[in-house]
Amino acid sequence: MKIDYHMHFEYGSYDLSWVQGFFDSAAKRHIGEIGISEHTHGFTDFKTLYYKDVIHDDSFIGKFQKKWLQTNKFKCPLSDYIKFMDMLKAKGYPVKTGIEVCNFQDQTTVKQILDRQPFDYIIGSVHFLHGWAYDSSQIRAEWKNHDLKEIYEWYTQEVEKLCTAKIYDILGHPFNIRLFKFLPDFDVTPYLIRVAEAMKKTNMVVDINTGTRYRYPIKEISPFPAFMKIAAKYKLPVITSSDAHKPEDCGAYIDEAVTYAKSFGYTQRVKFTNRNREFIPID
């Protein structure tokens, strides 16, 4: 059974005419079950957390991010999304309710928000480094202001914080800091081990994510092979995902992700229901 557990309805609205395209693409690619993991920036519940953490001053990155925060964000309460997903399930759609949460510094408040709603799984993802949206192409120039060792240290620290919070089931797109092809000339193994060890302590799952394969210059699946070798050594469980933001991308390169996982010895992937796990063959 093929599964795609990381995608977003957010470019459209919560209506069947928009989301049907995701299920149609899944069917064409023989995906048996999809999971929707809406970004927290879509919900009013998280607005205060973003304005606390994200740089939105008059600096180069601040000006862009201020506009980003004000454009098509915080559209509805989280409860509206849950109600819509419950409706899809009631109609028999093969779907699970997830959410992708940014690496907020106030994890206590995050937990309070998430505990109010039922989820099948929760993804924690590092999207900001010291308030900077490092994956935004419009402010890519900011990378030149940082040493790559600094970036790897910051990223690793943020993952460790997510793991310590004990809120999340999955680490989203691990080490996608490679996305713009800023590749290190130093040994990154210590950072990879720290992330794997932190994930192991809290039993978090690796998101084998094809989004960086088709949406970014690096054109590789995340996480990259060096981390996958360590993840396999630590016996970290996996899911496969496309990180689709458009209907036609649902299930994109999932077959490639399966082959990729198998190349590191994986024979199973995780299937989630109500935060509970079932291991199924990865085929």
Protein backbone atom coordinates (compact mmCIF):
# COMPACT_ATOMS: atom_id res chain seq x y z
CA MET A 1 0.00 0.00 0.00
CA LYS A 2 1.42 3.35 -1.05
CA ILE A 3 1.02 6.26 1.36
CA ASP A 4 1.63 9.99 1.00
CA TYR A 5 1.42 11.71 4.38
CA HIS A 6 2.73 15.22 3.81
CA MET A 7 0.73 17.64 1.65
CA HIS A 8 -1.27 20.83 1.89
CA PHE A 9 -4.69 22.04 0.72
CA GLU A 10 -3.71 25.63 1.56
CA TYR A 11 -3.47 27.05 -1.97
CA GLY A 12 -7.21 26.56 -2.33
CA SER A 13 -10.16 26.55 0.03
CA TYR A 14 -11.81 23.87 2.10
CA ASP A 15 -14.28 22.64 -0.48
CA LEU A 16 -14.63 19.38 -2.37
CA SER A 17 -14.08 20.92 -5.80
CA TRP A 18 -10.51 21.86 -4.82
CA VAL A 19 -9.48 18.85 -2.79
CA GLN A 20 -10.93 16.26 -5.17
CA GLY A 21 -7.92 16.86 -7.41
CA PHE A 22 -5.60 15.55 -4.71
CA PHE A 23 -7.55 12.31 -4.45
CA ASP A 24 -7.71 12.00 -8.24
CA SER A 25 -3.90 12.34 -8.48
CA ALA A 26 -3.48 9.83 -5.65
CA ALA A 27 -5.67 7.33 -7.48
CA LYS A 28 -3.73 7.74 -10.72
CA ARG A 29 -0.50 7.00 -8.83
CA HIS A 30 -2.08 4.10 -6.92
CA ILE A 31 -1.71 5.84 -3.56
CA GLY A 32 -3.96 4.00 -1.11
CA GLU A 33 -4.09 6.68 1.58
CA ILE A 34 -3.12 10.32 1.81
CA GLY A 35 -2.53 12.51 4.83
CA ILE A 36 -3.08 16.26 4.89
CA SER A 37 -0.63 18.23 7.01
CA GLU A 38 -1.71 21.84 6.80
CA HIS A 39 0.85 24.47 7.77
CA THR A 40 0.17 26.18 11.07
CA HIS A 41 0.46 29.58 9.38
CA GLY A 42 -2.99 28.98 7.93
CA PHE A 43 -4.68 29.16 11.32
CA THR A 44 -5.52 32.09 13.56
CA ASP A 45 -4.62 29.98 16.62
CA PHE A 46 -0.92 30.31 15.78
CA LYS A 47 -0.75 33.96 14.71
CA THR A 48 0.74 35.28 17.95
CA LEU A 49 3.45 32.60 17.89
CA TYR A 50 4.58 33.63 14.41
CA TYR A 51 4.78 37.29 15.31
CA LYS A 52 6.85 36.39 18.36
CA ASP A 53 9.36 34.24 16.47
CA VAL A 54 9.63 35.52 12.90
CA ILE A 55 11.75 38.56 12.07
CA HIS A 56 9.39 41.21 10.65
CA ASP A 57 11.33 44.45 11.02
CA ASP A 58 12.78 46.79 8.37
CA SER A 59 15.76 44.58 7.58
CA PHE A 60 16.18 42.73 4.27
CA ILE A 61 14.62 39.53 5.56
CA GLY A 62 12.24 41.38 7.87
CA LYS A 63 10.53 43.30 5.09
CA PHE A 64 9.89 40.15 3.08
CA GLN A 65 8.70 38.16 6.07
CA LYS A 66 6.42 40.96 7.25
CA LYS A 67 4.69 40.86 3.88
CA TRP A 68 4.66 37.05 4.00
CA LEU A 69 2.88 37.12 7.36
CA GLN A 70 0.25 39.47 5.96
CA THR A 71 -0.45 37.57 2.73
CA ASN A 72 -2.99 34.76 2.75
CA LYS A 73 -2.08 33.65 6.28
CA PHE A 74 -4.18 32.91 9.38
CA LYS A 75 -7.29 32.36 7.27
CA CYS A 76 -9.40 30.42 9.75
CA PRO A 77 -9.39 28.75 13.16
CA LEU A 78 -7.86 25.31 13.40
CA SER A 79 -11.26 23.88 14.27
CA ASP A 80 -12.55 24.68 10.74
CA TYR A 81 -9.85 22.47 9.25
CA ILE A 82 -10.66 19.63 11.64
CA LYS A 83 -14.37 19.83 10.79
CA PHE A 84 -13.57 19.70 7.07
CA MET A 85 -11.30 16.69 7.50
CA ASP A 86 -13.94 14.92 9.58
CA MET A 87 -16.41 15.51 6.76
CA LEU A 88 -14.02 13.97 4.23
CA LYS A 89 -13.60 10.91 6.42
CA ALA A 90 -17.37 10.60 6.88
CA LYS A 91 -17.77 10.60 3.11
CA GLY A 92 -15.32 7.72 2.84
CA TYR A 93 -12.25 9.52 1.50
CA PRO A 94 -9.02 7.60 2.29
CA VAL A 95 -7.46 10.44 4.27
CA LYS A 96 -5.76 11.12 7.58
CA THR A 97 -5.70 14.39 9.51
CA GLY A 98 -2.24 15.75 10.15
CA ILE A 99 -0.65 19.11 10.73
CA GLU A 100 2.82 20.52 10.06
CA VAL A 101 4.01 22.70 12.91
CA CYS A 102 6.86 25.19 12.65
CA ASN A 103 9.69 25.17 15.16
CA PHE A 104 8.21 27.71 17.55
CA GLN A 105 10.18 28.61 20.64
CA ASP A 106 7.12 28.45 22.90
CA GLN A 107 6.37 24.75 22.75
CA THR A 108 4.12 24.91 25.82
CA THR A 109 1.62 27.07 23.95
CA VAL A 110 1.92 24.88 20.87
CA LYS A 111 0.96 21.83 22.92
CA GLN A 112 -2.00 23.62 24.44
CA ILE A 113 -3.32 24.50 20.96
CA LEU A 114 -2.77 21.05 19.50
CA ASP A 115 -4.27 19.21 22.47
CA ARG A 116 -7.63 20.81 21.77
CA GLN A 117 -8.04 18.95 18.46
CA PRO A 118 -7.81 15.32 17.29
CA PHE A 119 -5.02 14.41 14.86
CA ASP A 120 -3.85 11.21 13.27
CA TYR A 121 -0.28 12.50 13.35
CA ILE A 122 1.69 15.69 13.96
CA ILE A 123 4.74 16.76 11.95
CA GLY A 124 7.32 19.07 13.44
CA SER A 125 9.44 20.91 10.88
CA VAL A 126 12.28 23.41 11.08
CA HIS A 127 11.23 26.32 8.89
CA PHE A 128 12.99 29.18 10.66
CA LEU A 129 16.53 29.65 11.91
CA HIS A 130 16.68 32.46 14.45
CA GLY A 131 13.56 33.96 12.88
CA TRP A 132 14.75 33.64 9.26
CA ALA A 133 12.76 31.59 6.73
CA TYR A 134 15.82 29.96 5.20
CA ASP A 135 13.81 28.06 2.57
CA SER A 136 12.33 31.19 0.97
CA SER A 137 13.90 31.80 -2.44
CA GLN A 138 13.05 35.53 -2.28
CA ILE A 139 15.50 36.01 0.60
CA ARG A 140 18.01 33.42 -0.50
CA ALA A 141 20.74 36.08 -0.42
CA GLU A 142 20.70 35.88 3.38
CA TRP A 143 22.57 32.57 3.13
CA LYS A 144 25.70 34.54 2.19
CA ASN A 145 25.68 36.13 5.63
CA HIS A 146 26.13 32.85 7.48
CA ASP A 147 28.82 30.24 7.75
CA LEU A 148 27.47 26.79 6.86
CA LYS A 149 28.71 25.35 10.14
CA GLU A 150 26.54 27.94 11.85
CA ILE A 151 23.56 26.86 9.76
CA TYR A 152 24.08 23.17 10.58
CA GLU A 153 24.44 23.95 14.28
CA TRP A 154 21.31 26.10 14.33
CA TYR A 155 19.32 23.51 12.42
CA THR A 156 20.43 20.71 14.72
CA GLN A 157 19.59 22.73 17.81
CA GLU A 158 16.09 23.40 16.48
CA VAL A 159 15.48 19.71 15.81
CA GLU A 160 16.68 18.87 19.31
CA LYS A 161 14.18 21.38 20.72
CA LEU A 162 11.35 19.83 18.71
CA CYS A 163 12.26 16.39 19.97
CA THR A 164 12.56 17.56 23.57
CA ALA A 165 9.01 18.96 23.39
CA LYS A 166 7.65 15.40 22.98
CA ILE A 167 4.76 16.67 20.89
CA TYR A 168 5.60 15.37 17.43
CA ASP A 169 5.30 12.06 15.63
CA ILE A 170 7.37 12.97 12.56
CA LEU A 171 10.31 15.21 11.68
CA GLY A 172 9.42 16.94 8.42
CA HIS A 173 11.87 16.88 5.51
CA PRO A 174 15.05 16.32 7.59
CA PHE A 175 18.10 18.34 6.58
CA ASN A 176 16.36 20.20 3.79
CA ILE A 177 18.90 22.96 4.52
CA ARG A 178 20.58 21.54 1.41
CA LEU A 179 17.70 22.80 -0.76
CA PHE A 180 19.60 25.68 -2.42
CA LYS A 181 22.72 23.57 -3.01
CA PHE A 182 24.84 25.25 -0.37
CA LEU A 183 26.79 22.10 0.35
CA PRO A 184 29.33 21.75 3.17
CA ASP A 185 33.03 21.06 2.70
CA PHE A 186 33.26 19.77 6.29
CA ASP A 187 32.15 16.58 8.01
CA VAL A 188 28.47 16.89 8.94
CA THR A 189 28.31 13.48 10.62
CA PRO A 190 28.24 14.87 14.20
CA TYR A 191 25.12 16.90 13.34
CA LEU A 192 23.43 13.91 11.71
CA ILE A 193 24.11 11.75 14.75
CA ARG A 194 22.77 14.39 17.14
CA VAL A 195 19.52 14.60 15.17
CA ALA A 196 19.17 10.81 14.96
CA GLU A 197 19.82 10.42 18.66
CA ALA A 198 17.29 13.11 19.56
CA MET A 199 14.67 11.48 17.32
CA LYS A 200 15.39 8.04 18.75
CA LYS A 201 14.80 9.25 22.32
CA THR A 202 11.30 10.43 21.46
CA ASN A 203 10.50 7.75 18.85
CA MET A 204 10.04 10.22 15.99
CA VAL A 205 9.55 9.13 12.39
CA VAL A 206 11.62 10.22 9.40
CA ASP A 207 9.71 11.99 6.64
CA ILE A 208 11.15 10.71 3.35
CA ASN A 209 10.03 13.75 1.41
CA THR A 210 10.18 14.20 -2.36
CA GLY A 211 9.37 17.92 -2.25
CA THR A 212 13.04 18.84 -2.48
CA ARG A 213 13.28 16.47 -5.45
CA TYR A 214 10.97 18.50 -7.68
CA ARG A 215 10.53 21.91 -6.04
CA TYR A 216 14.08 23.07 -5.21
CA PRO A 217 17.47 23.37 -6.93
CA ILE A 218 19.01 20.46 -5.01
CA LYS A 219 16.69 18.01 -6.83
CA GLU A 220 17.17 15.27 -4.25
CA ILE A 221 14.88 13.49 -1.83
CA SER A 222 15.12 14.62 1.78
CA PRO A 223 16.76 13.44 3.91
CA PHE A 224 19.93 13.03 1.87
CA PRO A 225 21.75 9.66 1.83
CA ALA A 226 24.24 10.40 4.62
CA PHE A 227 21.41 10.93 7.09
CA MET A 228 19.39 8.00 5.76
CA LYS A 229 22.31 5.69 6.52
CA ILE A 230 22.37 6.91 10.10
CA ALA A 231 18.57 6.80 10.40
CA ALA A 232 18.62 3.17 9.31
CA LYS A 233 21.41 2.42 11.81
CA TYR A 234 19.30 3.93 14.61
CA LYS A 235 16.24 2.07 13.28
CA LEU A 236 14.18 5.22 12.95
CA PRO A 237 10.78 4.50 11.33
CA VAL A 238 9.81 6.22 8.07
CA ILE A 239 6.91 7.60 6.10
CA THR A 240 6.91 8.61 2.43
CA SER A 241 5.55 11.94 1.23
CA SER A 242 5.37 14.31 -1.73
CA ASP A 243 4.96 17.62 0.13
CA ALA A 244 2.38 18.49 -2.53
CA HIS A 245 0.93 21.99 -2.49
CA LYS A 246 -1.04 21.47 -5.71
CA PRO A 247 -3.41 18.62 -6.63
CA GLU A 248 -1.28 17.41 -9.52
CA ASP A 249 1.71 16.92 -7.21
CA CYS A 250 -0.02 14.54 -4.81
CA GLY A 251 2.01 11.34 -4.85
CA ALA A 252 4.80 12.86 -6.93
CA TYR A 253 7.89 10.62 -6.97
CA ILE A 254 6.48 8.33 -4.26
CA ASP A 255 7.69 5.28 -6.20
CA GLU A 256 11.16 6.82 -6.19
CA ALA A 257 10.88 7.44 -2.44
CA VAL A 258 9.98 3.79 -1.87
CA THR A 259 12.98 2.62 -3.88
CA TYR A 260 15.14 5.09 -1.96
CA ALA A 261 13.96 3.77 1.41
CA LYS A 262 14.52 0.18 0.36
CA SER A 263 18.09 0.98 -0.67
CA PHE A 264 18.84 1.63 3.02
CA GLY A 265 17.26 -1.63 4.13
CA TYR A 266 13.77 -0.41 5.00
CA THR A 267 11.00 -2.95 4.51
CA GLN A 268 8.22 -1.16 6.41
CA ARG A 269 6.68 2.27 6.78
CA VAL A 270 4.35 3.75 9.36
CA LYS A 271 0.59 4.10 8.97
CA PHE A 272 -1.05 6.45 11.49
CA THR A 273 -4.51 6.48 13.05
CA ASN A 274 -5.34 8.70 16.04
CA ARG A 275 -1.62 9.08 16.86
CA ASN A 276 -1.24 5.29 16.93
CA ARG A 277 1.19 3.49 14.62
CA GLU A 278 0.90 0.45 12.41
CA PHE A 279 3.83 -0.86 10.42
CA ILE A 280 3.00 -1.92 6.88
CA PRO A 281 5.18 -3.16 4.02
CA ILE A 282 6.96 -0.45 2.08
CA ASP A 283 5.90 -1.41 -1.42
